[in-house]
Amino acid sequence: MRWREFLIPTSKETPKDAAVPSHVLMLRAGLIRPVMTGVHSYLPLGWRVLRKVERVIREEMERAGAIELHTAVLQPLAWWRQSGRAAELRDALLRLSGPPDDWRCQTVLGASHVEVVTEIAGAYLRSYKQLPVCLYRIQSGFHGEERPRRGVLCPRESLATEAYSFDANEAGLDESCQRMHDAYGRIFRRCGLPCLACEAERAPDAIAAHEFMMLAEAGEDRVALTDNGDYAANAKWAGSAEPPPAANVPLEPLKEVHTPGCGRVEDVCDFMGTTPAQMIKTLIYVGTEARRHEGTKGNVAAGAPAGRGEVAAGPRTGRSARGGIRVVSLVRGDHELNEHKLNKVAGLTLELADPRTIEELTGAHVGFAGPQGLAEKADKLIIDRHVAAMRNAASGANQTDYHVMGINPGRDFPLEGDNVFVADIRNVVDGDPSPTGGGSLRIKPAIEVGRVAKLGTTCSEAANATFLDKQGQRQPFVMGCYTINLDCVIAAAIEAHHDDNGIVWPMSIAPFQVLVLALDPRDEQVMKTASEIHDELDAVGIEVLLDDRDERAGFKFKDADLIGIPLRIIVGKKSLADGRVELSHRRDGAKHTYEPTAAIRQVVKLVNEELARLS
């Protein structure tokens, strides 16, 4: 391929709306072109990278036994309502609009395709003899991101591969999940991504999940890692070691303190001379008993983990008829409540209560709530385990402009009861002891590029997708879900492989493997030699780009660094006078001179070695 015959619109300027390196470099190197906020077109150079990532994914998915299909992007809203995901995604689900009763009002643009693929499985997989089956697709998904940002890392339209496995039992699911986990590891290794398999927050349907994360400053996710590497988890889900037992100290009596205008932890600590670690924050939420699947009457079995939108088994106080179920949560003043964990413990989808609800429950303005007396008024009291270990703490007095000192768990508010739960509901912080005993946790930013999850029978039951087992009984499929965001793979590769001058592509997904730079294109011998090198490399299957532009050498070098092709052969009058050309690697810039035929042999060797290293 000749540069002058290709479209590579490079730019010297840093785009104003690009904040992370991958977004900046994808725009400057001419890989993508914005269409609107959160939507991009892939230009020819970027499209070559994308197709290479697709090829790696297809090869590894087929190696793992997955079967590719193509599903409809326009999908019935009724299917999303049946699965419960229409209510779950709300405005993030993009719906068509039109006149009342028009077909468009009952249609959505698929954010993902689990409903469609599950319907296909239910229609054609009739017997256990046909299982296991794993179906996958590589297509666009559409997301109602309110504030799309960071280029292709958080867009409104993205290209992803989704795979769904269908098994007859949990043992089969375990095997399918392991196959896909191994396949994903190979995919990311081949794409040059140094990924970690991290424990993930369970999705509403998932009974187990892992995310593949790549550490990067540009990442919006946070990963908790141990010093010795034996634990890695998404910080939204990560836990720490059990807190030490409560100190064996005399319990102080409750003492009210007048704290006018001190509604924040920092203000209270300054006023009373205490510290956030000695404070108890009382946060009040409201939830509803909306079922996971609309139109069904199923209850959550006792002892089963309740997902978001489901109701945990347990008694009700009867106070949820007006204003929803009221949940009081307690965390230490120097800790942050983790709403994901709180939702899991509560078995509800919770929202912060409004000021009126808080005042009705506590008898005080916002900022002065305390745990004492609330177990009898609220539907649930959920206490972080670090709060349960506190002694002689300070908290709100449930009286406007007053706080209390000397409050003690177990004496001033219960740690047991039908509606009382002690659990891990806080965010981990840097330096927390690891739950595995492997030292301290370190919190680092990361990009999620893939996810594997065991869904169980939730989705198949919602879609009434069943098969006949060995006894001739109908059973729901036991499902797994596996996703990779291709846009994030490309962005993550750039985040992991770039320098101040541009991209440094891994050989496996580089748009071209070799760039031949003709420094003096008006010189007949330079162009003849450069063209011969290009043609001979192309003939042996090396992907090569010839920069035949009549531009200054410095301008060409800048563009070469920017687009990041791994190997570079420089052909100039000065080196040709000695019968040699210059070969260098974009990664380290080390330069070596060879006769043209020797340079070709060396390039073939280097390309094959690097591809083998990444395989």
Foldseek 3Di string as FASTA:
>chain_A
DAPVVFDFQADPDQDPQADDFLQRLCVRRQQWDDPDFQDIDGGPQVVLLLVLLVVLLVVLCVVLVAAEDDDDQKDFLVLCQLQLNCVVQPQFWAAADDPPPDRRRGITGAQDCLSVVLVVLLVPVAAQVVDWHKYKYWAKGATNDVHAGNHQQRGRIFTKMKMKIWHDDPVRVVVSLVSVVVSVVLSLLLQVAPWDWAWEQAALQFPGKTFTWGFFQPFPWKWKAFPVGPHIHTLLPADFAQDDAADPDDFDDKDKDQAAPQLAPVSVCVVVVHDQQQAKDKFKKFFAQAASGPPDDDADDAPDFQGENHAHDFDFPPPQPPPHAMEIEIDGRVFAFNQSVVCRVRSGNIDGDDQVVVCVQLVEGRRQRDQAPNVVRGGAYEYESSLLNHFQGKGHPSYYRMIMTRDHECPRHDCDDRRYHYYHGTGDDFQGHHNVNRGTIHMGGIRTFKMKGFSAQSSQVSSVRWYQYPVRDTDGTGMMMIMGGSSSSSSSQQSVAADPLAGAGQLSSRSFQEEEEQQALVDPVSVVLSVVLVVVLVVVPHGYYYHNDPDHPVVVVSSCRHSNRFKYWYGYPVQVVVQWIWIAGSRPRDIDIDRSVVVSVVSVVVSVVSSVSSD
